[in-house]
């Protein structure tokens, strides 16, 4: 009887392990799949924050908010989120083409919202935000043509510097738009800034031509 009990107990335990272990293993795989997705929300959330900041900037501008501190804070937070979102994604090992697209779209949304508002206020010529919009449109088209969508947008040297200049313009205009200093300098240098954007557009056109 004891042997029978031991045998049945052994068989029952073995049967139980057969039933339960795959479930535990499956849960482990599922948890490993969820972890990168959850971690990816950190840099993606920082990128998406710039959509909200764009709306805040427009709200401040539309209601004639005159204090520049609010604009400056919005600009610095936006620039900071752009600086760290990619670095966090790479550090966490969750960098992806989708994340890079989100980053780029969030950037241009915020920058265009801010600079169009400043152009409407006379702080900078309208051709600057128009050129930025054209440059980004070309950036999207080239990226789709030159690389698989999953790999994210294609980068260029001038395009990288263009992103830096965009935020430099936004921060400068946020702190003190024309005719105040240093916004007056930005307004004066607008034609040269426009030439840079035209050069960036030309570089991308050349890269597209060489790819064919």
N, C-alpha and C. Protein backbone atom coordinates (compact mmCIF):
# COMPACT_ATOMS: atom_id res chain seq x y z
N UNK A 1 0.83 -1.21 0.00
CA UNK A 1 0.00 0.00 0.00
C UNK A 1 0.86 1.25 0.00
N UNK A 2 1.91 1.21 0.80
CA UNK A 2 2.79 2.37 0.85
C UNK A 2 3.44 2.60 -0.49
N UNK A 3 3.88 1.45 -1.13
CA UNK A 3 4.50 1.59 -2.44
C UNK A 3 3.53 2.17 -3.45
N UNK A 4 2.26 1.70 -3.34
CA UNK A 4 1.25 2.23 -4.27
C UNK A 4 1.03 3.72 -4.07
N UNK A 5 1.00 4.15 -2.78
CA UNK A 5 0.83 5.57 -2.49
C UNK A 5 2.00 6.38 -3.04
N UNK A 6 3.22 5.87 -2.82
CA UNK A 6 4.40 6.57 -3.31
C UNK A 6 4.38 6.67 -4.83
N UNK A 7 3.96 5.53 -5.45
CA UNK A 7 3.95 5.51 -6.90
C UNK A 7 2.93 6.50 -7.44
N UNK A 8 1.73 6.48 -6.82
CA UNK A 8 0.70 7.41 -7.29
C UNK A 8 1.10 8.85 -7.02
N UNK A 9 1.71 9.03 -5.83
CA UNK A 9 2.15 10.39 -5.51
C UNK A 9 3.20 10.86 -6.49
N UNK A 10 4.12 9.97 -6.82
CA UNK A 10 5.18 10.33 -7.76
C UNK A 10 4.60 10.65 -9.12
N UNK A 11 3.67 9.80 -9.56
CA UNK A 11 3.07 10.02 -10.87
C UNK A 11 2.27 11.32 -10.90
N UNK A 12 1.52 11.55 -9.79
CA UNK A 12 0.72 12.76 -9.71
C UNK A 12 1.60 14.00 -9.75
N UNK A 13 2.71 13.96 -8.98
CA UNK A 13 3.63 15.10 -8.97
C UNK A 13 4.23 15.33 -10.34
N UNK A 14 4.57 14.22 -11.02
CA UNK A 14 5.16 14.34 -12.35
C UNK A 14 4.16 14.94 -13.33
N UNK A 15 2.89 14.45 -13.22
CA UNK A 15 1.84 14.96 -14.09
C UNK A 15 1.62 16.45 -13.85
N UNK A 16 1.64 16.82 -12.57
CA UNK A 16 1.44 18.23 -12.22
C UNK A 16 2.54 19.10 -12.80
N UNK A 17 3.78 18.58 -12.74
CA UNK A 17 4.90 19.36 -13.27
C UNK A 17 4.79 19.52 -14.78
N UNK A 18 4.28 18.47 -15.44
CA UNK A 18 4.12 18.55 -16.89
C UNK A 18 3.10 19.62 -17.25
N UNK A 19 2.04 19.69 -16.46
CA UNK A 19 0.97 20.65 -16.75
C UNK A 19 1.41 22.06 -16.42
N UNK A 20 2.12 22.25 -15.29
CA UNK A 20 2.39 23.59 -14.80
C UNK A 20 3.63 24.23 -15.41
N UNK A 21 4.66 23.46 -15.68
CA UNK A 21 5.92 24.07 -16.12
C UNK A 21 5.79 24.85 -17.42
N UNK A 22 5.09 24.33 -18.44
CA UNK A 22 4.95 25.12 -19.65
C UNK A 22 4.26 26.44 -19.40
N UNK A 23 3.29 26.46 -18.49
CA UNK A 23 2.59 27.70 -18.20
C UNK A 23 3.55 28.71 -17.60
N UNK A 24 4.40 28.23 -16.66
CA UNK A 24 5.37 29.12 -16.04
C UNK A 24 6.36 29.62 -17.07
N UNK A 25 6.80 28.71 -17.95
CA UNK A 25 7.73 29.11 -19.00
C UNK A 25 7.08 30.12 -19.93
N UNK A 26 5.80 29.86 -20.24
CA UNK A 26 5.08 30.79 -21.11
C UNK A 26 4.95 32.17 -20.49
N UNK A 27 4.70 32.19 -19.17
CA UNK A 27 4.61 33.47 -18.47
C UNK A 27 5.93 34.20 -18.51
N UNK A 28 7.02 33.44 -18.40
CA UNK A 28 8.34 34.07 -18.43
C UNK A 28 8.62 34.70 -19.78
N UNK A 29 8.26 34.00 -20.84
CA UNK A 29 8.45 34.54 -22.19
C UNK A 29 7.59 35.79 -22.38
N UNK A 30 6.34 35.69 -21.88
CA UNK A 30 5.43 36.83 -22.02
C UNK A 30 5.95 38.04 -21.26
N UNK A 31 6.50 37.79 -20.06
CA UNK A 31 7.06 38.89 -19.27
C UNK A 31 8.25 39.52 -19.98
N UNK A 32 9.07 38.66 -20.61
CA UNK A 32 10.23 39.20 -21.33
C UNK A 32 9.79 40.02 -22.53
N UNK A 33 8.67 39.62 -23.14
CA UNK A 33 8.16 40.40 -24.27
C UNK A 33 7.59 41.73 -23.81
N UNK A 34 6.94 41.68 -22.65
CA UNK A 34 6.32 42.91 -22.16
C UNK A 34 7.34 43.93 -21.68
N UNK A 35 8.45 43.46 -21.11
CA UNK A 35 9.42 44.37 -20.52
C UNK A 35 9.95 45.39 -21.51
N UNK A 36 10.45 44.98 -22.72
CA UNK A 36 10.91 45.98 -23.68
C UNK A 36 9.80 46.94 -24.10
N UNK A 37 8.56 46.42 -24.23
CA UNK A 37 7.46 47.28 -24.62
C UNK A 37 7.19 48.33 -23.54
N UNK A 38 7.27 47.90 -22.28
CA UNK A 38 7.04 48.84 -21.19
C UNK A 38 8.18 49.86 -21.09
N UNK A 39 9.41 49.38 -21.27
CA UNK A 39 10.56 50.28 -21.21
C UNK A 39 10.52 51.28 -22.35
N UNK A 40 10.04 50.85 -23.53
CA UNK A 40 9.99 51.73 -24.69
C UNK A 40 9.06 52.91 -24.46
N UNK A 41 8.12 52.77 -23.53
CA UNK A 41 7.18 53.86 -23.28
C UNK A 41 7.86 55.05 -22.59
N UNK A 42 9.01 54.82 -21.98
CA UNK A 42 9.71 55.93 -21.31
C UNK A 42 10.22 56.93 -22.34
N UNK A 43 11.09 56.52 -23.30
CA UNK A 43 11.52 57.50 -24.31
C UNK A 43 10.38 57.95 -25.21
N UNK A 44 9.44 57.05 -25.52
CA UNK A 44 8.31 57.44 -26.37
C UNK A 44 7.45 58.48 -25.66
N UNK A 45 7.30 58.33 -24.35
CA UNK A 45 6.55 59.32 -23.59
C UNK A 45 7.22 60.68 -23.60
N UNK A 46 8.55 60.69 -23.53
CA UNK A 46 9.29 61.95 -23.60
C UNK A 46 9.12 62.61 -24.96
N UNK A 47 9.12 61.79 -26.01
CA UNK A 47 8.90 62.33 -27.35
C UNK A 47 7.48 62.89 -27.47
N UNK A 48 6.50 62.12 -27.02
CA UNK A 48 5.10 62.55 -27.12
C UNK A 48 4.82 63.80 -26.30
N UNK A 49 5.63 64.04 -25.28
CA UNK A 49 5.46 65.24 -24.46
C UNK A 49 5.52 66.50 -25.31
N UNK A 50 6.28 66.47 -26.40
CA UNK A 50 6.43 67.66 -27.23
C UNK A 50 5.15 68.03 -27.97
N UNK A 51 4.26 67.07 -28.18
CA UNK A 51 2.95 67.40 -28.75
C UNK A 51 2.16 68.28 -27.77
N UNK A 52 2.21 67.91 -26.50
CA UNK A 52 1.52 68.69 -25.48
C UNK A 52 2.15 70.07 -25.33
N UNK A 53 3.47 70.13 -25.41
CA UNK A 53 4.17 71.41 -25.29
C UNK A 53 3.86 72.33 -26.47
N UNK A 54 3.69 71.73 -27.66
CA UNK A 54 3.30 72.52 -28.84
C UNK A 54 1.92 73.16 -28.60
N UNK A 55 1.00 72.37 -28.05
CA UNK A 55 -0.34 72.89 -27.77
C UNK A 55 -0.29 74.00 -26.73
N UNK A 56 0.58 73.84 -25.73
CA UNK A 56 0.71 74.87 -24.69
C UNK A 56 1.25 76.17 -25.30
N UNK A 57 2.25 76.04 -26.18
CA UNK A 57 2.82 77.23 -26.82
C UNK A 57 1.75 77.98 -27.62
N UNK A 58 0.99 77.24 -28.42
CA UNK A 58 -0.07 77.86 -29.22
C UNK A 58 -1.10 78.53 -28.31
N UNK A 59 -1.45 77.87 -27.23
CA UNK A 59 -2.42 78.42 -26.29
C UNK A 59 -1.91 79.74 -25.70
N UNK A 60 -0.65 79.76 -25.32
CA UNK A 60 -0.07 80.99 -24.76
C UNK A 60 -0.07 82.11 -25.80
N UNK A 61 0.31 81.76 -27.04
CA UNK A 61 0.40 82.78 -28.09
C UNK A 61 -0.97 83.31 -28.48
N UNK A 62 -1.94 82.44 -28.62
CA UNK A 62 -3.28 82.84 -29.04
C UNK A 62 -3.92 83.78 -28.02
N UNK A 63 -3.65 83.53 -26.75
CA UNK A 63 -4.25 84.36 -25.70
C UNK A 63 -3.38 85.55 -25.34
N UNK A 64 -2.37 85.82 -26.15
CA UNK A 64 -1.56 87.02 -25.98
C UNK A 64 -0.74 87.05 -24.71
N UNK A 65 -0.29 85.90 -24.26
CA UNK A 65 0.53 85.85 -23.05
C UNK A 65 1.84 86.60 -23.29
N UNK A 66 2.13 87.59 -22.46
CA UNK A 66 3.29 88.44 -22.70
C UNK A 66 4.52 88.03 -21.90
N UNK A 67 4.34 87.35 -20.81
CA UNK A 67 5.50 86.93 -20.02
C UNK A 67 6.32 85.89 -20.76
N UNK A 68 7.62 86.14 -20.94
CA UNK A 68 8.44 85.24 -21.74
C UNK A 68 8.93 84.04 -20.93
N UNK A 69 8.80 84.08 -19.62
CA UNK A 69 9.27 82.97 -18.80
C UNK A 69 8.54 81.68 -19.15
N UNK A 70 7.23 81.78 -19.35
CA UNK A 70 6.45 80.58 -19.68
C UNK A 70 6.91 79.99 -21.01
N UNK A 71 7.13 80.83 -22.01
CA UNK A 71 7.61 80.35 -23.31
C UNK A 71 9.00 79.72 -23.17
N UNK A 72 9.85 80.37 -22.38
CA UNK A 72 11.22 79.85 -22.20
C UNK A 72 11.20 78.48 -21.54
N UNK A 73 10.35 78.30 -20.53
CA UNK A 73 10.27 77.00 -19.85
C UNK A 73 9.79 75.93 -20.81
N UNK A 74 8.76 76.25 -21.60
CA UNK A 74 8.24 75.28 -22.57
C UNK A 74 9.33 74.90 -23.57
N UNK A 75 10.07 75.90 -24.07
CA UNK A 75 11.12 75.64 -25.06
C UNK A 75 12.24 74.78 -24.48
N UNK A 76 12.66 75.07 -23.26
CA UNK A 76 13.77 74.32 -22.65
C UNK A 76 13.34 72.89 -22.33
N UNK A 77 12.12 72.72 -21.85
CA UNK A 77 11.63 71.36 -21.57
C UNK A 77 11.56 70.55 -22.86
N UNK A 78 11.09 71.18 -23.94
CA UNK A 78 11.00 70.49 -25.23
C UNK A 78 12.38 70.09 -25.73
N UNK A 79 13.32 71.03 -25.66
CA UNK A 79 14.68 70.73 -26.11
C UNK A 79 15.32 69.64 -25.25
N UNK A 80 15.06 69.69 -23.94
CA UNK A 80 15.61 68.67 -23.04
C UNK A 80 15.05 67.30 -23.34
N UNK A 81 13.75 67.22 -23.61
CA UNK A 81 13.15 65.92 -23.92
C UNK A 81 13.71 65.36 -25.22
N UNK A 82 13.97 66.24 -26.18
CA UNK A 82 14.56 65.79 -27.45
C UNK A 82 15.99 65.31 -27.25
N UNK A 83 16.70 65.93 -26.33
CA UNK A 83 18.09 65.57 -26.09
C UNK A 83 18.21 64.20 -25.43
N UNK A 84 17.27 63.87 -24.53
CA UNK A 84 17.45 62.65 -23.74
C UNK A 84 16.63 61.46 -24.21
N UNK A 85 15.57 61.67 -25.02
CA UNK A 85 14.72 60.52 -25.35
C UNK A 85 15.47 59.44 -26.12
N UNK A 86 16.26 59.84 -27.12
CA UNK A 86 17.03 58.86 -27.88
C UNK A 86 18.10 58.18 -27.05
N UNK A 87 18.74 58.97 -26.19
CA UNK A 87 19.79 58.40 -25.34
C UNK A 87 19.21 57.38 -24.35
N UNK A 88 18.06 57.68 -23.81
CA UNK A 88 17.41 56.74 -22.89
C UNK A 88 17.01 55.47 -23.65
N UNK A 89 16.48 55.63 -24.86
CA UNK A 89 16.08 54.47 -25.65
C UNK A 89 17.28 53.57 -25.93
N UNK A 90 18.42 54.17 -26.27
CA UNK A 90 19.62 53.35 -26.54
C UNK A 90 20.15 52.72 -25.26
N UNK A 91 20.10 53.43 -24.16
CA UNK A 91 20.59 52.90 -22.89
C UNK A 91 19.72 51.71 -22.43
N UNK A 92 18.42 51.81 -22.67
CA UNK A 92 17.51 50.73 -22.27
C UNK A 92 17.45 49.61 -23.30
N UNK A 93 18.07 49.84 -24.45
CA UNK A 93 18.05 48.81 -25.50
C UNK A 93 16.72 48.70 -26.21
N UNK A 94 15.95 49.81 -26.27
CA UNK A 94 14.63 49.76 -26.90
C UNK A 94 14.54 50.72 -28.09
N UNK A 95 15.68 51.17 -28.60
CA UNK A 95 15.67 52.06 -29.76
C UNK A 95 15.06 51.32 -30.95
N UNK A 96 14.23 52.02 -31.71
CA UNK A 96 13.56 51.39 -32.84
C UNK A 96 13.24 52.43 -33.90
N UNK A 97 12.93 51.94 -35.11
CA UNK A 97 12.54 52.85 -36.17
C UNK A 97 11.27 53.60 -35.83
N UNK A 98 10.33 52.92 -35.19
CA UNK A 98 9.08 53.57 -34.80
C UNK A 98 9.34 54.70 -33.80
N UNK A 99 10.25 54.45 -32.87
CA UNK A 99 10.58 55.50 -31.91
C UNK A 99 11.24 56.69 -32.56
N UNK A 100 12.10 56.43 -33.56
CA UNK A 100 12.76 57.53 -34.27
C UNK A 100 11.75 58.35 -35.08
N UNK A 101 10.76 57.67 -35.66
CA UNK A 101 9.72 58.42 -36.36
C UNK A 101 8.93 59.29 -35.41
N UNK A 102 8.58 58.74 -34.25
CA UNK A 102 7.84 59.52 -33.26
C UNK A 102 8.65 60.73 -32.82
N UNK A 103 9.93 60.52 -32.62
CA UNK A 103 10.83 61.60 -32.21
C UNK A 103 10.84 62.71 -33.25
N UNK A 104 11.01 62.33 -34.52
CA UNK A 104 11.08 63.33 -35.59
C UNK A 104 9.78 64.09 -35.77
N UNK A 105 8.66 63.37 -35.74
CA UNK A 105 7.36 64.02 -35.92
C UNK A 105 7.05 64.94 -34.75
N UNK A 106 7.39 64.50 -33.53
CA UNK A 106 7.18 65.35 -32.36
C UNK A 106 8.03 66.61 -32.44
N UNK A 107 9.27 66.46 -32.92
CA UNK A 107 10.16 67.61 -33.07
C UNK A 107 9.57 68.66 -34.00
N UNK A 108 9.22 68.22 -35.21
CA UNK A 108 8.75 69.20 -36.20
C UNK A 108 7.41 69.79 -35.79
N UNK A 109 6.57 69.02 -35.11
CA UNK A 109 5.29 69.56 -34.63
C UNK A 109 5.52 70.69 -33.65
N UNK A 110 6.41 70.45 -32.69
CA UNK A 110 6.68 71.50 -31.70
C UNK A 110 7.35 72.71 -32.33
N UNK A 111 8.40 72.46 -33.12
CA UNK A 111 9.15 73.57 -33.72
C UNK A 111 8.27 74.42 -34.63
N UNK A 112 7.47 73.77 -35.49
CA UNK A 112 6.62 74.54 -36.40
C UNK A 112 5.54 75.30 -35.63
N UNK A 113 4.97 74.68 -34.61
CA UNK A 113 3.95 75.38 -33.81
C UNK A 113 4.54 76.65 -33.19
N UNK A 114 5.75 76.52 -32.64
CA UNK A 114 6.39 77.66 -31.98
C UNK A 114 6.79 78.73 -32.99
N UNK A 115 7.44 78.33 -34.08
CA UNK A 115 7.98 79.33 -35.01
C UNK A 115 6.88 79.96 -35.85
N UNK A 116 5.82 79.22 -36.20
CA UNK A 116 4.70 79.85 -36.89
C UNK A 116 4.03 80.90 -36.00
N UNK A 117 3.92 80.61 -34.72
CA UNK A 117 3.36 81.60 -33.80
C UNK A 117 4.24 82.85 -33.73
N UNK A 118 5.56 82.63 -33.68
CA UNK A 118 6.47 83.78 -33.62
C UNK A 118 6.48 84.55 -34.93
N UNK A 119 6.31 83.83 -36.05
CA UNK A 119 6.23 84.52 -37.34
C UNK A 119 4.96 85.37 -37.41
N UNK A 120 3.86 84.82 -36.88
CA UNK A 120 2.61 85.57 -36.86
C UNK A 120 2.73 86.83 -36.01
N UNK A 121 3.61 86.78 -35.00
CA UNK A 121 3.84 87.95 -34.13
C UNK A 121 4.88 88.90 -34.71
N UNK A 122 5.47 88.54 -35.86
CA UNK A 122 6.45 89.41 -36.51
C UNK A 122 7.87 89.23 -36.02
N UNK A 123 8.14 88.20 -35.21
CA UNK A 123 9.48 88.01 -34.65
C UNK A 123 10.44 87.38 -35.65
N UNK A 124 9.92 86.72 -36.68
CA UNK A 124 10.76 86.06 -37.68
C UNK A 124 9.95 85.96 -38.97
N UNK A 125 10.61 86.04 -40.14
CA UNK A 125 9.85 85.96 -41.40
C UNK A 125 9.15 84.62 -41.57
N UNK A 126 8.02 84.64 -42.27
CA UNK A 126 7.24 83.42 -42.47
C UNK A 126 7.97 82.38 -43.32
N UNK A 127 8.94 82.83 -44.13
CA UNK A 127 9.61 81.84 -44.98
C UNK A 127 10.47 80.86 -44.17
N UNK A 128 10.81 81.21 -42.93
CA UNK A 128 11.59 80.27 -42.10
C UNK A 128 10.78 79.04 -41.72
N UNK A 129 9.61 79.18 -41.11
CA UNK A 129 8.84 77.96 -40.81
C UNK A 129 8.40 77.21 -42.07
N UNK A 130 8.17 77.94 -43.18
CA UNK A 130 7.80 77.27 -44.43
C UNK A 130 8.95 76.39 -44.91
N UNK A 131 10.19 76.90 -44.85
CA UNK A 131 11.35 76.12 -45.26
C UNK A 131 11.56 74.92 -44.32
N UNK A 132 11.31 75.11 -43.03
CA UNK A 132 11.44 73.99 -42.09
C UNK A 132 10.42 72.90 -42.44
N UNK A 133 9.20 73.31 -42.77
CA UNK A 133 8.17 72.33 -43.15
C UNK A 133 8.56 71.61 -44.44
N UNK A 134 9.09 72.33 -45.42
CA UNK A 134 9.53 71.71 -46.67
C UNK A 134 10.68 70.74 -46.43
N UNK A 135 11.61 71.15 -45.57
CA UNK A 135 12.76 70.30 -45.26
C UNK A 135 12.31 69.00 -44.61
N UNK A 136 11.36 69.09 -43.67
CA UNK A 136 10.90 67.88 -43.00
C UNK A 136 10.11 67.00 -43.96
N UNK A 137 9.32 67.61 -44.84
CA UNK A 137 8.57 66.82 -45.82
C UNK A 137 9.52 66.02 -46.70
N UNK A 138 10.60 66.67 -47.13
CA UNK A 138 11.59 65.97 -47.93
C UNK A 138 12.27 64.86 -47.12
N UNK A 139 12.50 65.15 -45.85
CA UNK A 139 13.09 64.17 -44.93
C UNK A 139 12.24 62.90 -44.87
N UNK A 140 10.92 63.08 -44.80
CA UNK A 140 10.01 61.93 -44.74
C UNK A 140 10.03 61.17 -46.05
N UNK A 141 9.93 61.90 -47.17
CA UNK A 141 9.89 61.25 -48.48
C UNK A 141 11.19 60.48 -48.73
N UNK A 142 12.33 61.11 -48.47
CA UNK A 142 13.62 60.45 -48.67
C UNK A 142 13.75 59.21 -47.81
N UNK A 143 13.29 59.30 -46.57
CA UNK A 143 13.41 58.16 -45.65
C UNK A 143 12.59 56.98 -46.14
N UNK A 144 11.40 57.26 -46.68
CA UNK A 144 10.55 56.18 -47.18
C UNK A 144 11.16 55.55 -48.43
N UNK A 145 11.79 56.40 -49.27
CA UNK A 145 12.36 55.91 -50.52
C UNK A 145 13.69 55.19 -50.30
N UNK A 146 14.53 55.75 -49.42
CA UNK A 146 15.89 55.24 -49.25
C UNK A 146 16.01 54.10 -48.27
N UNK A 147 15.04 53.90 -47.40
CA UNK A 147 15.18 52.88 -46.36
C UNK A 147 13.82 52.27 -46.05
N UNK A 148 13.82 51.03 -45.54
CA UNK A 148 12.55 50.43 -45.11
C UNK A 148 11.94 51.25 -43.98
N UNK A 149 10.62 51.39 -43.95
CA UNK A 149 9.98 52.19 -42.90
C UNK A 149 10.36 51.76 -41.48
N UNK A 150 10.58 50.45 -41.29
CA UNK A 150 10.89 49.95 -39.95
C UNK A 150 12.23 50.45 -39.43
N UNK A 151 13.12 50.87 -40.33
CA UNK A 151 14.44 51.31 -39.90
C UNK A 151 14.44 52.75 -39.41
N UNK A 152 13.34 53.47 -39.63
CA UNK A 152 13.27 54.84 -39.17
C UNK A 152 13.75 55.81 -40.23
N UNK A 153 13.66 57.11 -39.96
CA UNK A 153 14.05 58.11 -40.94
C UNK A 153 15.55 58.12 -41.21
N UNK A 154 15.91 58.50 -42.43
CA UNK A 154 17.31 58.58 -42.84
C UNK A 154 17.88 59.92 -42.39
N UNK A 155 19.05 59.89 -41.81
CA UNK A 155 19.66 61.10 -41.29
C UNK A 155 20.69 61.66 -42.27
N UNK A 156 20.93 62.97 -42.16
CA UNK A 156 21.98 63.61 -42.95
C UNK A 156 22.73 64.58 -42.04
N UNK A 157 23.93 64.97 -42.47
CA UNK A 157 24.73 65.88 -41.64
C UNK A 157 24.02 67.21 -41.43
N UNK A 158 23.60 67.83 -42.55
CA UNK A 158 22.94 69.13 -42.44
C UNK A 158 21.59 69.00 -41.74
N UNK A 159 20.93 67.88 -41.95
CA UNK A 159 19.66 67.67 -41.27
C UNK A 159 19.84 67.64 -39.76
N UNK A 160 20.93 66.99 -39.30
CA UNK A 160 21.23 66.95 -37.86
C UNK A 160 21.44 68.36 -37.32
N UNK A 161 22.24 69.15 -38.03
CA UNK A 161 22.49 70.52 -37.58
C UNK A 161 21.22 71.36 -37.70
N UNK A 162 20.39 71.03 -38.68
CA UNK A 162 19.13 71.75 -38.81
C UNK A 162 18.26 71.57 -37.59
N UNK A 163 18.25 70.36 -37.01
CA UNK A 163 17.49 70.13 -35.79
C UNK A 163 18.00 70.98 -34.63
N UNK A 164 19.32 71.10 -34.55
CA UNK A 164 19.92 71.94 -33.49
C UNK A 164 19.54 73.40 -33.69
N UNK A 165 19.63 73.86 -34.95
CA UNK A 165 19.29 75.25 -35.25
C UNK A 165 17.82 75.52 -34.94
N UNK A 166 16.96 74.56 -35.25
CA UNK A 166 15.53 74.74 -34.97
C UNK A 166 15.29 75.06 -33.50
N UNK A 167 15.90 74.26 -32.63
CA UNK A 167 15.69 74.48 -31.20
C UNK A 167 16.40 75.75 -30.71
N UNK A 168 17.53 76.08 -31.33
CA UNK A 168 18.21 77.34 -30.97
C UNK A 168 17.31 78.52 -31.31
N UNK A 169 16.65 78.46 -32.46
CA UNK A 169 15.73 79.53 -32.85
C UNK A 169 14.56 79.62 -31.86
N UNK A 170 13.99 78.47 -31.54
CA UNK A 170 12.82 78.47 -30.65
C UNK A 170 13.19 79.02 -29.28
N UNK A 171 14.31 78.58 -28.73
CA UNK A 171 14.72 79.05 -27.40
C UNK A 171 15.02 80.54 -27.41
N UNK A 172 15.71 81.00 -28.47
CA UNK A 172 16.04 82.42 -28.57
C UNK A 172 14.77 83.27 -28.65
N UNK A 173 13.85 82.87 -29.51
CA UNK A 173 12.61 83.63 -29.66
C UNK A 173 11.72 83.52 -28.42
N UNK A 174 11.85 82.41 -27.70
CA UNK A 174 11.07 82.26 -26.47
C UNK A 174 11.54 83.23 -25.41
N UNK A 175 12.85 83.42 -25.35
CA UNK A 175 13.42 84.30 -24.31
C UNK A 175 13.18 85.77 -24.62
N UNK A 176 13.48 86.16 -25.87
CA UNK A 176 13.36 87.58 -26.22
C UNK A 176 13.20 87.73 -27.72
N UNK A 177 11.97 87.74 -28.22
CA UNK A 177 11.75 87.91 -29.67
C UNK A 177 12.06 89.32 -30.13
N UNK A 178 12.23 89.48 -31.45
CA UNK A 178 12.48 90.82 -32.01
C UNK A 178 11.29 91.73 -31.67
N UNK A 179 11.56 93.00 -31.40
CA UNK A 179 12.83 93.72 -31.61
C UNK A 179 13.80 93.66 -30.45
N UNK A 180 13.50 92.90 -29.43
CA UNK A 180 14.42 92.80 -28.29
C UNK A 180 15.63 91.97 -28.68
N UNK A 181 16.71 92.10 -27.90
CA UNK A 181 17.91 91.29 -28.09
C UNK A 181 17.74 90.01 -27.27
N UNK A 182 18.11 88.81 -27.76
CA UNK A 182 18.82 88.52 -29.03
C UNK A 182 17.89 88.18 -30.18
N UNK A 183 16.57 88.32 -29.98
CA UNK A 183 15.65 88.00 -31.06
C UNK A 183 15.87 88.86 -32.29
N UNK A 184 16.32 90.10 -32.07
CA UNK A 184 16.58 91.00 -33.20
C UNK A 184 17.68 90.44 -34.11
N UNK A 185 18.67 89.77 -33.51
CA UNK A 185 19.75 89.18 -34.30
C UNK A 185 19.20 88.06 -35.18
N UNK A 186 18.33 87.23 -34.61
CA UNK A 186 17.72 86.14 -35.37
C UNK A 186 16.95 86.70 -36.56
N UNK A 187 16.19 87.77 -36.33
CA UNK A 187 15.42 88.39 -37.41
C UNK A 187 16.34 88.91 -38.50
N UNK A 188 17.47 89.50 -38.12
CA UNK A 188 18.43 90.04 -39.09
C UNK A 188 19.10 88.93 -39.89
N UNK A 189 19.40 87.83 -39.21
CA UNK A 189 20.10 86.71 -39.85
C UNK A 189 19.17 85.74 -40.57
N UNK A 190 17.89 86.04 -40.60
CA UNK A 190 16.91 85.13 -41.19
C UNK A 190 17.26 84.72 -42.62
N UNK A 191 17.73 85.63 -43.50
CA UNK A 191 18.08 85.19 -44.85
C UNK A 191 19.20 84.15 -44.88
N UNK A 192 20.19 84.30 -44.00
CA UNK A 192 21.28 83.32 -43.93
C UNK A 192 20.77 81.98 -43.40
N UNK A 193 19.88 82.05 -42.43
CA UNK A 193 19.29 80.82 -41.89
C UNK A 193 18.49 80.11 -42.99
N UNK A 194 17.80 80.89 -43.80
CA UNK A 194 17.04 80.31 -44.91
C UNK A 194 17.96 79.60 -45.88
N UNK A 195 19.13 80.19 -46.15
CA UNK A 195 20.10 79.56 -47.05
C UNK A 195 20.56 78.21 -46.50
N UNK A 196 20.70 78.13 -45.18
CA UNK A 196 21.11 76.85 -44.58
C UNK A 196 20.04 75.78 -44.84
N UNK A 197 18.78 76.14 -44.64
CA UNK A 197 17.72 75.16 -44.87
C UNK A 197 17.67 74.74 -46.34
N UNK A 198 17.90 75.69 -47.23
CA UNK A 198 17.93 75.36 -48.66
C UNK A 198 19.09 74.40 -48.95
N UNK A 199 20.23 74.62 -48.29
CA UNK A 199 21.38 73.72 -48.46
C UNK A 199 21.05 72.33 -47.94
N UNK A 200 20.33 72.24 -46.81
CA UNK A 200 19.94 70.94 -46.26
C UNK A 200 19.00 70.21 -47.21
N UNK A 201 18.06 70.96 -47.80
CA UNK A 201 17.14 70.36 -48.77
C UNK A 201 17.91 69.87 -49.98
N UNK A 202 18.89 70.65 -50.44
CA UNK A 202 19.70 70.27 -51.60
C UNK A 202 20.52 69.02 -51.31
N UNK A 203 21.05 68.93 -50.08
CA UNK A 203 21.84 67.74 -49.73
C UNK A 203 20.98 66.49 -49.79
N UNK A 204 19.78 66.56 -49.28
CA UNK A 204 18.90 65.40 -49.31
C UNK A 204 18.52 65.04 -50.74
N UNK A 205 18.30 66.06 -51.57
CA UNK A 205 17.98 65.80 -52.97
C UNK A 205 19.14 65.08 -53.65
N UNK A 206 20.36 65.47 -53.31
CA UNK A 206 21.55 64.83 -53.88
C UNK A 206 21.67 63.38 -53.41
N UNK A 207 21.40 63.14 -52.13
CA UNK A 207 21.45 61.77 -51.62
C UNK A 207 20.41 60.89 -52.32
N UNK A 208 19.23 61.46 -52.57
CA UNK A 208 18.21 60.69 -53.25
C UNK A 208 18.62 60.40 -54.69
N UNK A 209 19.24 61.38 -55.33
CA UNK A 209 19.69 61.20 -56.73
C UNK A 209 20.77 60.13 -56.81
N UNK A 210 21.71 60.14 -55.87
CA UNK A 210 22.80 59.16 -55.88
C UNK A 210 22.31 57.75 -55.59
N UNK A 211 21.20 57.64 -54.86
CA UNK A 211 20.68 56.32 -54.51
C UNK A 211 20.06 55.59 -55.69
N UNK A 212 19.80 56.30 -56.77
CA UNK A 212 19.11 55.69 -57.92
C UNK A 212 20.13 55.16 -58.92
